[in-house]
C-alpha atoms as a PDB file:
ATOM      1  CA  UNK A   1       0.000   0.000   0.000  1.00  0.00           C
ATOM      2  CA  UNK A   2       1.351   3.405  -0.973  1.00  0.00           C
ATOM      3  CA  UNK A   3       2.044   5.605   2.034  1.00  0.00           C
ATOM      4  CA  UNK A   4       4.106   8.431   3.459  1.00  0.00           C
ATOM      5  CA  UNK A   5       5.022   9.001   7.087  1.00  0.00           C
ATOM      6  CA  UNK A   6       5.331  12.099   9.230  1.00  0.00           C
ATOM      7  CA  UNK A   7       6.686  12.566  12.736  1.00  0.00           C
ATOM      8  CA  UNK A   8       4.654  15.279  14.447  1.00  0.00           C
ATOM      9  CA  UNK A   9       6.405  17.226  17.191  1.00  0.00           C
ATOM     10  CA  UNK A  10       3.918  18.476  19.767  1.00  0.00           C
ATOM     11  CA  UNK A  11       4.323  21.673  21.791  1.00  0.00           C
ATOM     12  CA  UNK A  12       5.162  19.412  24.740  1.00  0.00           C
ATOM     13  CA  UNK A  13       8.184  18.085  22.826  1.00  0.00           C
ATOM     14  CA  UNK A  14       6.747  14.589  22.472  1.00  0.00           C
ATOM     15  CA  UNK A  15       6.570  13.005  19.024  1.00  0.00           C
ATOM     16  CA  UNK A  16       3.636  11.287  17.328  1.00  0.00           C
ATOM     17  CA  UNK A  17       3.929   8.770  14.499  1.00  0.00           C
ATOM     18  CA  UNK A  18       1.588   9.637  11.647  1.00  0.00           C
ATOM     19  CA  UNK A  19       1.073   8.161   8.172  1.00  0.00           C
ATOM     20  CA  UNK A  20      -0.844   8.983   5.004  1.00  0.00           C
ATOM     21  CA  UNK A  21      -2.271   6.340   2.672  1.00  0.00           C
ATOM     22  CA  UNK A  22      -3.606   6.710  -0.834  1.00  0.00           C
ATOM     23  CA  UNK A  23      -3.357   9.679  -3.166  1.00  0.00           C
ATOM     24  CA  UNK A  24      -1.930  12.703  -1.350  1.00  0.00           C
ATOM     25  CA  UNK A  25      -3.586  14.929  -3.964  1.00  0.00           C
ATOM     26  CA  UNK A  26      -7.045  13.449  -3.413  1.00  0.00           C
ATOM     27  CA  UNK A  27      -9.771  16.007  -2.832  1.00  0.00           C
ATOM     28  CA  UNK A  28     -11.262  13.888  -0.060  1.00  0.00           C
ATOM     29  CA  UNK A  29      -9.230  13.774   3.175  1.00  0.00           C
ATOM     30  CA  UNK A  30     -10.070  11.360   6.003  1.00  0.00           C
ATOM     31  CA  UNK A  31      -8.346  11.596   9.396  1.00  0.00           C
ATOM     32  CA  UNK A  32      -8.709   8.497  11.595  1.00  0.00           C
ATOM     33  CA  UNK A  33      -8.837   8.236  15.396  1.00  0.00           C
ATOM     34  CA  UNK A  34      -7.970   4.806  16.729  1.00  0.00           C
ATOM     35  CA  UNK A  35      -9.530   3.046  19.673  1.00  0.00           C
ATOM     36  CA  UNK A  36      -8.334   1.627  22.930  1.00  0.00           C
ATOM     37  CA  UNK A  37      -7.500   4.070  24.285  1.00  0.00           C
ATOM     38  CA  UNK A  38      -3.919   3.001  23.798  1.00  0.00           C
ATOM     39  CA  UNK A  39      -4.435   0.843  20.698  1.00  0.00           C
ATOM     40  CA  UNK A  40      -2.741   1.458  17.339  1.00  0.00           C
ATOM     41  CA  UNK A  41      -3.747   3.176  14.118  1.00  0.00           C
ATOM     42  CA  UNK A  42      -2.902   0.089  12.044  1.00  0.00           C
ATOM     43  CA  UNK A  43      -6.559  -0.839  11.484  1.00  0.00           C
ATOM     44  CA  UNK A  44      -6.870   2.210   9.224  1.00  0.00           C
ATOM     45  CA  UNK A  45      -3.887   1.437   6.993  1.00  0.00           C
ATOM     46  CA  UNK A  46      -6.150  -0.395   4.502  1.00  0.00           C
ATOM     47  CA  UNK A  47      -8.902   2.232   4.325  1.00  0.00           C
ATOM     48  CA  UNK A  48      -7.673   4.065   1.220  1.00  0.00           C
ATOM     49  CA  UNK A  49      -7.302   0.776  -0.687  1.00  0.00           C
ATOM     50  CA  UNK A  50     -10.630  -0.604   0.561  1.00  0.00           C
ATOM     51  CA  UNK A  51     -12.566   2.531  -0.343  1.00  0.00           C
ATOM     52  CA  UNK A  52     -11.005   2.429  -3.803  1.00  0.00           C
ATOM     53  CA  UNK A  53     -11.759  -1.282  -4.165  1.00  0.00           C
ATOM     54  CA  UNK A  54     -15.381  -1.259  -3.039  1.00  0.00           C
ATOM     55  CA  UNK A  55     -16.572   2.231  -4.003  1.00  0.00           C
ATOM     56  CA  UNK A  56     -13.966   3.573  -6.476  1.00  0.00           C
ATOM     57  CA  UNK A  57     -13.382   6.586  -4.242  1.00  0.00           C
ATOM     58  CA  UNK A  58     -10.048   8.383  -4.226  1.00  0.00           C
ATOM     59  CA  UNK A  59      -9.401   9.241  -0.572  1.00  0.00           C
ATOM     60  CA  UNK A  60      -6.283  10.282   1.292  1.00  0.00           C
ATOM     61  CA  UNK A  61      -6.455   8.540   4.668  1.00  0.00           C
ATOM     62  CA  UNK A  62      -4.332  10.020   7.447  1.00  0.00           C
ATOM     63  CA  UNK A  63      -3.604   8.031  10.578  1.00  0.00           C
ATOM     64  CA  UNK A  64      -1.640   8.597  13.759  1.00  0.00           C
ATOM     65  CA  UNK A  65      -0.859   6.834  17.008  1.00  0.00           C
ATOM     66  CA  UNK A  66      -2.042   8.882  19.949  1.00  0.00           C
ATOM     67  CA  UNK A  67       0.378   9.890  22.706  1.00  0.00           C
ATOM     68  CA  UNK A  68       1.386   6.804  24.682  1.00  0.00           C
ATOM     69  CA  UNK A  69       0.297   4.421  21.917  1.00  0.00           C
ATOM     70  CA  UNK A  70       2.488   2.044  19.913  1.00  0.00           C
ATOM     71  CA  UNK A  71       4.843   3.983  17.575  1.00  0.00           C
ATOM     72  CA  UNK A  72       4.288   7.355  19.253  1.00  0.00           C
ATOM     73  CA  UNK A  73       6.233   8.502  22.289  1.00  0.00           C
ATOM     74  CA  UNK A  74       4.922   8.082  25.804  1.00  0.00           C
ATOM     75  CA  UNK A  75       5.378  10.136  28.943  1.00  0.00           C
ATOM     76  CA  UNK A  76       6.302   8.287  32.114  1.00  0.00           C
ATOM     77  CA  UNK A  77       2.862   7.496  33.439  1.00  0.00           C
ATOM     78  CA  UNK A  78       4.226   6.330  36.766  1.00  0.00           C
ATOM     79  CA  UNK A  79       4.515  10.077  37.418  1.00  0.00           C
ATOM     80  CA  UNK A  80       1.229  11.552  38.643  1.00  0.00           C
ATOM     81  CA  UNK A  81       1.931  14.910  36.994  1.00  0.00           C
ATOM     82  CA  UNK A  82       2.033  13.190  33.593  1.00  0.00           C
ATOM     83  CA  UNK A  83      -1.180  11.290  34.299  1.00  0.00           C
ATOM     84  CA  UNK A  84      -2.957  14.493  35.320  1.00  0.00           C
ATOM     85  CA  UNK A  85      -1.632  16.426  32.323  1.00  0.00           C
ATOM     86  CA  UNK A  86      -1.991  13.925  29.503  1.00  0.00           C
ATOM     87  CA  UNK A  87      -4.521  11.227  30.404  1.00  0.00           C
ATOM     88  CA  UNK A  88      -7.588  13.409  29.977  1.00  0.00           C
ATOM     89  CA  UNK A  89     -10.259  13.924  27.352  1.00  0.00           C
ATOM     90  CA  UNK A  90      -9.169  17.557  27.031  1.00  0.00           C
ATOM     91  CA  UNK A  91      -5.600  16.578  26.216  1.00  0.00           C
ATOM     92  CA  UNK A  92      -6.530  14.030  23.530  1.00  0.00           C
ATOM     93  CA  UNK A  93      -9.092  16.409  22.003  1.00  0.00           C
ATOM     94  CA  UNK A  94      -6.427  19.094  21.627  1.00  0.00           C
ATOM     95  CA  UNK A  95      -4.018  16.493  20.237  1.00  0.00           C
ATOM     96  CA  UNK A  96      -6.463  15.886  17.364  1.00  0.00           C
ATOM     97  CA  UNK A  97      -6.360  19.594  16.635  1.00  0.00           C
ATOM     98  CA  UNK A  98      -2.551  19.562  16.661  1.00  0.00           C
ATOM     99  CA  UNK A  99      -2.557  16.704  14.131  1.00  0.00           C
ATOM    100  CA  UNK A 100      -5.058  18.571  11.948  1.00  0.00           C
ATOM    101  CA  UNK A 101      -2.740  21.559  11.872  1.00  0.00           C
ATOM    102  CA  UNK A 102       0.316  19.402  11.152  1.00  0.00           C
ATOM    103  CA  UNK A 103      -1.383  17.979   8.050  1.00  0.00           C
ATOM    104  CA  UNK A 104      -3.004  21.330   7.132  1.00  0.00           C
ATOM    105  CA  UNK A 105      -6.475  19.828   7.008  1.00  0.00           C
ATOM    106  CA  UNK A 106      -9.632  21.863   6.514  1.00  0.00           C
ATOM    107  CA  UNK A 107     -13.124  20.690   5.569  1.00  0.00           C
ATOM    108  CA  UNK A 108     -12.068  17.095   6.022  1.00  0.00           C
ATOM    109  CA  UNK A 109     -13.708  13.872   7.164  1.00  0.00           C
ATOM    110  CA  UNK A 110     -13.002  12.603  10.685  1.00  0.00           C
ATOM    111  CA  UNK A 111     -13.647   8.996  11.728  1.00  0.00           C
ATOM    112  CA  UNK A 112     -13.337   7.653  15.248  1.00  0.00           C
ATOM    113  CA  UNK A 113     -13.507   3.986  16.219  1.00  0.00           C
ATOM    114  CA  UNK A 114     -14.567   3.024  19.762  1.00  0.00           C
ATOM    115  CA  UNK A 115     -12.582   5.325  22.105  1.00  0.00           C
ATOM    116  CA  UNK A 116     -11.804   7.255  18.917  1.00  0.00           C
ATOM    117  CA  UNK A 117     -15.564   7.780  18.541  1.00  0.00           C
ATOM    118  CA  UNK A 118     -15.748   9.329  21.991  1.00  0.00           C
ATOM    119  CA  UNK A 119     -12.797  11.482  21.015  1.00  0.00           C
ATOM    120  CA  UNK A 120     -14.632  12.433  17.811  1.00  0.00           C
ATOM    121  CA  UNK A 121     -17.609  13.707  19.813  1.00  0.00           C
ATOM    122  CA  UNK A 122     -15.363  15.703  22.146  1.00  0.00           C
ATOM    123  CA  UNK A 123     -13.473  17.198  19.195  1.00  0.00           C
ATOM    124  CA  UNK A 124     -16.515  17.967  17.038  1.00  0.00           C
ATOM    125  CA  UNK A 125     -18.294  19.748  19.874  1.00  0.00           C
ATOM    126  CA  UNK A 126     -15.458  22.301  19.893  1.00  0.00           C
ATOM    127  CA  UNK A 127     -13.958  22.208  16.392  1.00  0.00           C
ATOM    128  CA  UNK A 128     -16.657  21.133  13.943  1.00  0.00           C
ATOM    129  CA  UNK A 129     -16.017  24.296  11.896  1.00  0.00           C
ATOM    130  CA  UNK A 130     -13.021  22.479  10.381  1.00  0.00           C
ATOM    131  CA  UNK A 131     -14.993  19.338   9.503  1.00  0.00           C
ATOM    132  CA  UNK A 132     -16.870  18.504   6.335  1.00  0.00           C
ATOM    133  CA  UNK A 133     -18.437  15.385   7.866  1.00  0.00           C
ATOM    134  CA  UNK A 134     -17.910  12.815  10.609  1.00  0.00           C
ATOM    135  CA  UNK A 135     -18.123   9.078  11.169  1.00  0.00           C
ATOM    136  CA  UNK A 136     -18.622   7.517  14.589  1.00  0.00           C
ATOM    137  CA  UNK A 137     -17.679   3.853  14.335  1.00  0.00           C
ATOM    138  CA  UNK A 138     -18.966   1.678  17.181  1.00  0.00           C
ATOM    139  CA  UNK A 139     -19.181   4.214  19.975  1.00  0.00           C
ATOM    140  CA  UNK A 140     -22.121   5.219  22.117  1.00  0.00           C
ATOM    141  CA  UNK A 141     -22.558   8.815  23.269  1.00  0.00           C
ATOM    142  CA  UNK A 142     -22.681   7.725  26.917  1.00  0.00           C
ATOM    143  CA  UNK A 143     -20.773   5.025  28.732  1.00  0.00           C
ATOM    144  CA  UNK A 144     -23.707   3.786  30.819  1.00  0.00           C
ATOM    145  CA  UNK A 145     -25.372   2.292  27.717  1.00  0.00           C
ATOM    146  CA  UNK A 146     -22.139   0.426  26.976  1.00  0.00           C
ATOM    147  CA  UNK A 147     -21.849  -0.934  30.525  1.00  0.00           C
ATOM    148  CA  UNK A 148     -25.426  -2.206  30.447  1.00  0.00           C
ATOM    149  CA  UNK A 149     -24.843  -3.887  27.094  1.00  0.00           C
ATOM    150  CA  UNK A 150     -21.604  -5.685  27.971  1.00  0.00           C
ATOM    151  CA  UNK A 151     -23.211  -7.017  31.147  1.00  0.00           C
ATOM    152  CA  UNK A 152     -26.109  -8.345  29.078  1.00  0.00           C
ATOM    153  CA  UNK A 153     -23.721  -9.913  26.573  1.00  0.00           C
ATOM    154  CA  UNK A 154     -21.779 -11.676  29.308  1.00  0.00           C
ATOM    155  CA  UNK A 155     -24.955 -13.107  30.748  1.00  0.00           C
ATOM    156  CA  UNK A 156     -26.320 -14.240  27.385  1.00  0.00           C
ATOM    157  CA  UNK A 157     -23.111 -15.958  26.295  1.00  0.00           C
ATOM    158  CA  UNK A 158     -21.808 -17.403  29.554  1.00  0.00           C
ATOM    159  CA  UNK A 159     -24.760 -17.704  31.931  1.00  0.00           C
ATOM    160  CA  UNK A 160     -25.211 -16.418  35.460  1.00  0.00           C
ATOM    161  CA  UNK A 161     -22.851 -18.829  37.285  1.00  0.00           C
ATOM    162  CA  UNK A 162     -19.933 -17.880  35.032  1.00  0.00           C
ATOM    163  CA  UNK A 163     -20.752 -14.179  35.265  1.00  0.00           C
ATOM    164  CA  UNK A 164     -20.756 -14.532  39.052  1.00  0.00           C
ATOM    165  CA  UNK A 165     -17.319 -16.148  38.809  1.00  0.00           C
ATOM    166  CA  UNK A 166     -16.057 -13.275  36.645  1.00  0.00           C
ATOM    167  CA  UNK A 167     -17.379 -10.750  39.153  1.00  0.00           C
ATOM    168  CA  UNK A 168     -15.546 -12.597  41.920  1.00  0.00           C
ATOM    169  CA  UNK A 169     -12.292 -12.410  39.973  1.00  0.00           C
ATOM    170  CA  UNK A 170     -12.796  -8.721  39.249  1.00  0.00           C
ATOM    171  CA  UNK A 171     -13.517  -7.918  42.872  1.00  0.00           C
ATOM    172  CA  UNK A 172     -10.388  -9.846  43.854  1.00  0.00           C
ATOM    173  CA  UNK A 173      -8.325  -8.081  41.180  1.00  0.00           C
ATOM    174  CA  UNK A 174      -7.114 -11.538  40.087  1.00  0.00           C
ATOM    175  CA  UNK A 175      -7.257 -10.884  36.333  1.00  0.00           C
ATOM    176  CA  UNK A 176      -4.523 -13.383  35.490  1.00  0.00           C
ATOM    177  CA  UNK A 177      -6.893 -16.230  36.414  1.00  0.00           C
ATOM    178  CA  UNK A 178      -6.907 -18.796  33.584  1.00  0.00           C
ATOM    179  CA  UNK A 179     -10.638 -19.506  33.650  1.00  0.00           C
ATOM    180  CA  UNK A 180     -11.414 -15.783  33.588  1.00  0.00           C
ATOM    181  CA  UNK A 181      -9.094 -15.361  30.621  1.00  0.00           C
ATOM    182  CA  UNK A 182     -10.880 -18.140  28.699  1.00  0.00           C
ATOM    183  CA  UNK A 183     -14.198 -16.399  29.323  1.00  0.00           C
ATOM    184  CA  UNK A 184     -12.774 -13.144  27.973  1.00  0.00           C
ATOM    185  CA  UNK A 185     -11.489 -14.853  24.830  1.00  0.00           C
ATOM    186  CA  UNK A 186     -15.003 -16.188  24.149  1.00  0.00           C
ATOM    187  CA  UNK A 187     -16.523 -12.747  24.656  1.00  0.00           C
ATOM    188  CA  UNK A 188     -13.936 -10.995  22.513  1.00  0.00           C
ATOM    189  CA  UNK A 189     -14.479 -13.416  19.622  1.00  0.00           C
ATOM    190  CA  UNK A 190     -18.241 -13.106  19.905  1.00  0.00           C
ATOM    191  CA  UNK A 191     -18.531  -9.332  20.255  1.00  0.00           C
ATOM    192  CA  UNK A 192     -15.221  -7.556  19.583  1.00  0.00           C
ATOM    193  CA  UNK A 193     -14.023  -9.047  16.319  1.00  0.00           C
ATOM    194  CA  UNK A 194     -15.799 -11.925  14.610  1.00  0.00           C
ATOM    195  CA  UNK A 195     -13.205 -12.531  11.904  1.00  0.00           C
ATOM    196  CA  UNK A 196     -12.037 -16.179  12.055  1.00  0.00           C
ATOM    197  CA  UNK A 197      -8.366 -15.142  12.199  1.00  0.00           C
ATOM    198  CA  UNK A 198      -8.838 -12.789  15.147  1.00  0.00           C
ATOM    199  CA  UNK A 199      -6.570 -13.532  18.114  1.00  0.00           C
ATOM    200  CA  UNK A 200      -7.480 -11.437  21.192  1.00  0.00           C
ATOM    201  CA  UNK A 201      -4.189 -12.138  22.957  1.00  0.00           C
ATOM    202  CA  UNK A 202      -2.108 -11.003  20.003  1.00  0.00           C
ATOM    203  CA  UNK A 203      -4.129  -7.818  19.510  1.00  0.00           C
ATOM    204  CA  UNK A 204      -4.197  -6.851  23.178  1.00  0.00           C
ATOM    205  CA  UNK A 205      -0.418  -7.316  23.398  1.00  0.00           C
ATOM    206  CA  UNK A 206      -0.038  -4.060  21.439  1.00  0.00           C
ATOM    207  CA  UNK A 207      -2.252  -2.071  23.811  1.00  0.00           C
ATOM    208  CA  UNK A 208      -0.633   0.678  25.874  1.00  0.00           C
ATOM    209  CA  UNK A 209      -1.634  -0.630  29.285  1.00  0.00           C
ATOM    210  CA  UNK A 210      -1.097   2.628  31.191  1.00  0.00           C
ATOM    211  CA  UNK A 211      -3.396   4.546  28.863  1.00  0.00           C
ATOM    212  CA  UNK A 212      -5.988   1.793  28.504  1.00  0.00           C
ATOM    213  CA  UNK A 213      -6.119   1.026  32.215  1.00  0.00           C
ATOM    214  CA  UNK A 214      -6.525   4.666  33.192  1.00  0.00           C
ATOM    215  CA  UNK A 215      -9.594   5.215  31.022  1.00  0.00           C
ATOM    216  CA  UNK A 216     -11.115   1.721  30.684  1.00  0.00           C
ATOM    217  CA  UNK A 217      -9.771  -0.768  33.196  1.00  0.00           C
ATOM    218  CA  UNK A 218      -8.423  -4.296  32.739  1.00  0.00           C
ATOM    219  CA  UNK A 219     -10.464  -5.351  29.695  1.00  0.00           C
ATOM    220  CA  UNK A 220     -13.395  -4.528  27.430  1.00  0.00           C
ATOM    221  CA  UNK A 221     -15.959  -6.060  29.778  1.00  0.00           C
ATOM    222  CA  UNK A 222     -15.225  -3.914  32.806  1.00  0.00           C
ATOM    223  CA  UNK A 223     -15.198  -0.123  33.110  1.00  0.00           C
ATOM    224  CA  UNK A 224     -13.339   0.928  36.229  1.00  0.00           C
ATOM    225  CA  UNK A 225     -11.370   3.894  34.881  1.00  0.00           C
ATOM    226  CA  UNK A 226     -12.108   7.539  34.187  1.00  0.00           C
ATOM    227  CA  UNK A 227     -14.432   6.599  31.328  1.00  0.00           C
ATOM    228  CA  UNK A 228     -17.116   5.919  33.965  1.00  0.00           C
ATOM    229  CA  UNK A 229     -19.783   8.598  33.872  1.00  0.00           C
ATOM    230  CA  UNK A 230     -18.777   9.942  30.433  1.00  0.00           C
ATOM    231  CA  UNK A 231     -21.905  11.249  28.686  1.00  0.00           C
ATOM    232  CA  UNK A 232     -22.304  13.750  25.838  1.00  0.00           C
ATOM    233  CA  UNK A 233     -25.779  12.752  24.654  1.00  0.00           C
ATOM    234  CA  UNK A 234     -27.406  16.061  25.586  1.00  0.00           C
ATOM    235  CA  UNK A 235     -24.670  17.963  23.719  1.00  0.00           C
ATOM    236  CA  UNK A 236     -24.463  16.176  20.379  1.00  0.00           C
ATOM    237  CA  UNK A 237     -27.592  17.897  19.072  1.00  0.00           C
ATOM    238  CA  UNK A 238     -25.154  20.739  18.392  1.00  0.00           C
ATOM    239  CA  UNK A 239     -23.194  18.661  15.858  1.00  0.00           C
ATOM    240  CA  UNK A 240     -24.735  19.851  12.602  1.00  0.00           C
ATOM    241  CA  UNK A 241     -22.274  18.459  10.022  1.00  0.00           C
ATOM    242  CA  UNK A 242     -23.289  15.341   8.047  1.00  0.00           C
ATOM    243  CA  UNK A 243     -22.768  12.291  10.259  1.00  0.00           C
ATOM    244  CA  UNK A 244     -22.592   8.533   9.792  1.00  0.00           C
ATOM    245  CA  UNK A 245     -23.071   6.431  12.923  1.00  0.00           C
ATOM    246  CA  UNK A 246     -22.160   2.808  12.226  1.00  0.00           C
ATOM    247  CA  UNK A 247     -22.524  -0.192  14.552  1.00  0.00           C
ATOM    248  CA  UNK A 248     -22.309  -3.976  14.356  1.00  0.00           C
ATOM    249  CA  UNK A 249     -25.232  -6.216  15.213  1.00  0.00           C
ATOM    250  CA  UNK A 250     -23.118  -8.101  17.805  1.00  0.00           C
ATOM    251  CA  UNK A 251     -21.210  -4.978  18.890  1.00  0.00           C
ATOM    252  CA  UNK A 252     -20.162  -4.403  22.489  1.00  0.00           C
ATOM    253  CA  UNK A 253     -21.699  -0.973  21.901  1.00  0.00           C
ATOM    254  CA  UNK A 254     -25.501  -1.325  21.781  1.00  0.00           C
ATOM    255  CA  UNK A 255     -26.981  -0.611  18.371  1.00  0.00           C
ATOM    256  CA  UNK A 256     -30.090   1.022  19.829  1.00  0.00           C
ATOM    257  CA  UNK A 257     -27.847   3.528  21.590  1.00  0.00           C
ATOM    258  CA  UNK A 258     -26.144   4.316  18.277  1.00  0.00           C
ATOM    259  CA  UNK A 259     -29.534   4.813  16.624  1.00  0.00           C
ATOM    260  CA  UNK A 260     -30.484   7.126  19.487  1.00  0.00           C
ATOM    261  CA  UNK A 261     -27.307   9.136  18.830  1.00  0.00           C
ATOM    262  CA  UNK A 262     -28.106   9.426  15.128  1.00  0.00           C
ATOM    263  CA  UNK A 263     -31.608  10.656  15.919  1.00  0.00           C
ATOM    264  CA  UNK A 264     -30.173  13.275  18.288  1.00  0.00           C
ATOM    265  CA  UNK A 265     -28.076  14.933  15.575  1.00  0.00           C
ATOM    266  CA  UNK A 266     -29.800  17.000  12.877  1.00  0.00           C
ATOM    267  CA  UNK A 267     -27.940  15.602   9.850  1.00  0.00           C
ATOM    268  CA  UNK A 268     -27.041  12.002  10.719  1.00  0.00           C
ATOM    269  CA  UNK A 269     -27.716   8.549   9.338  1.00  0.00           C
ATOM    270  CA  UNK A 270     -27.360   5.183  11.026  1.00  0.00           C
ATOM    271  CA  UNK A 271     -25.857   2.020   9.593  1.00  0.00           C
ATOM    272  CA  UNK A 272     -26.063  -1.479  11.100  1.00  0.00           C
ATOM    273  CA  UNK A 273     -23.772  -4.265   9.857  1.00  0.00           C
ATOM    274  CA  UNK A 274     -25.543  -7.585  10.379  1.00  0.00           C
ATOM    275  CA  UNK A 275     -23.453 -10.234  12.154  1.00  0.00           C
ATOM    276  CA  UNK A 276     -20.798  -7.595  12.766  1.00  0.00           C
ATOM    277  CA  UNK A 277     -18.938  -7.015  16.003  1.00  0.00           C
ATOM    278  CA  UNK A 278     -17.174  -4.007  17.441  1.00  0.00           C
ATOM    279  CA  UNK A 279     -14.683  -4.213  14.551  1.00  0.00           C
ATOM    280  CA  UNK A 280     -17.221  -4.796  11.788  1.00  0.00           C
ATOM    281  CA  UNK A 281     -14.935  -3.147   9.217  1.00  0.00           C
ATOM    282  CA  UNK A 282     -12.785  -6.259   9.559  1.00  0.00           C
ATOM    283  CA  UNK A 283     -15.683  -8.702  10.002  1.00  0.00           C
ATOM    284  CA  UNK A 284     -17.505  -7.597   6.831  1.00  0.00           C
ATOM    285  CA  UNK A 285     -15.334  -5.173   4.845  1.00  0.00           C
ATOM    286  CA  UNK A 286     -17.502  -5.043   1.734  1.00  0.00           C
ATOM    287  CA  UNK A 287     -20.586  -4.040   3.742  1.00  0.00           C
ATOM    288  CA  UNK A 288     -18.682  -1.550   5.873  1.00  0.00           C
ATOM    289  CA  UNK A 289     -16.761   0.201   3.106  1.00  0.00           C
ATOM    290  CA  UNK A 290     -19.736   0.247   0.751  1.00  0.00           C
ATOM    291  CA  UNK A 291     -21.732   2.053   3.433  1.00  0.00           C
ATOM    292  CA  UNK A 292     -18.866   4.422   4.271  1.00  0.00           C
ATOM    293  CA  UNK A 293     -18.203   5.113   0.599  1.00  0.00           C
ATOM    294  CA  UNK A 294     -21.859   5.853  -0.121  1.00  0.00           C
ATOM    295  CA  UNK A 295     -21.955   8.272   2.802  1.00  0.00           C
ATOM    296  CA  UNK A 296     -18.902  10.116   1.482  1.00  0.00           C
ATOM    297  CA  UNK A 297     -20.379  10.237  -2.034  1.00  0.00           C
ATOM    298  CA  UNK A 298     -23.650  11.622  -0.694  1.00  0.00           C
ATOM    299  CA  UNK A 299     -21.834  14.311   1.287  1.00  0.00           C
ATOM    300  CA  UNK A 300     -19.749  15.241  -1.767  1.00  0.00           C
ATOM    301  CA  UNK A 301     -22.896  15.381  -3.897  1.00  0.00           C
ATOM    302  CA  UNK A 302     -24.802  17.199  -1.129  1.00  0.00           C
ATOM    303  CA  UNK A 303     -27.332  14.386  -1.169  1.00  0.00           C
ATOM    304  CA  UNK A 304     -27.602  13.678   2.558  1.00  0.00           C
ATOM    305  CA  UNK A 305     -31.118  12.636   3.531  1.00  0.00           C
END
């Protein structure tokens, strides 16, 4: 895949790894916000090729690893001052703006997956004047809906006795327990990524634990970090740009919450990928990229709704 790279130096002196895929002269620019928090931007490396393949769209896709994640630099998060300064929604929102400036983007598309979707909402509520359109990929507008859904998914897949066992392990902070780990693997393959080649252990090995643990907790089926209580539902009515909200049928994020988000915004549409999980772009790429491509075409042709 054709790409260029850029090292972005922040005002703090830290460096971010960033990359551009596809035609750098393309009219359509898409900046991607990865999940986790603390994951990598690698999931977006194929987006320019996939959009070309499935929808014949020429799109420059720009990715970056957020501070503390994979190829980008990380402060020492054993220092409380660094935690207080950098592990906040405000910091990561302003980091998006710094990346926008580094790539000289204006009237561009912004996509956020999972945590990146939360970051999208935070960014758009302050900086939507720079955006042409937005895509929220598998992220609710409030964390309580997510917590309710993952608890329901655990119960449906594993049954009450096993859920009780998981709760016992969580209360004991004994996350290395082998039986608990096997339960998580089942849940991840059912609801996170349903692709047959998906290996939860391999993927999670790349996660920046300090960042992930601070916001989320130990894993995707507990929320013990600062994400608890996050809620922007009453604010997103102010996001007036064209919006695509896309969820998977088996997503850890509840589809009805995503539909509720789409209804709350004045110029949004909702897409549901059947049999798709939290990473439904990988589960069913043709469905995902066809929907994304059609949204972009409609925005370019001013044909929303």
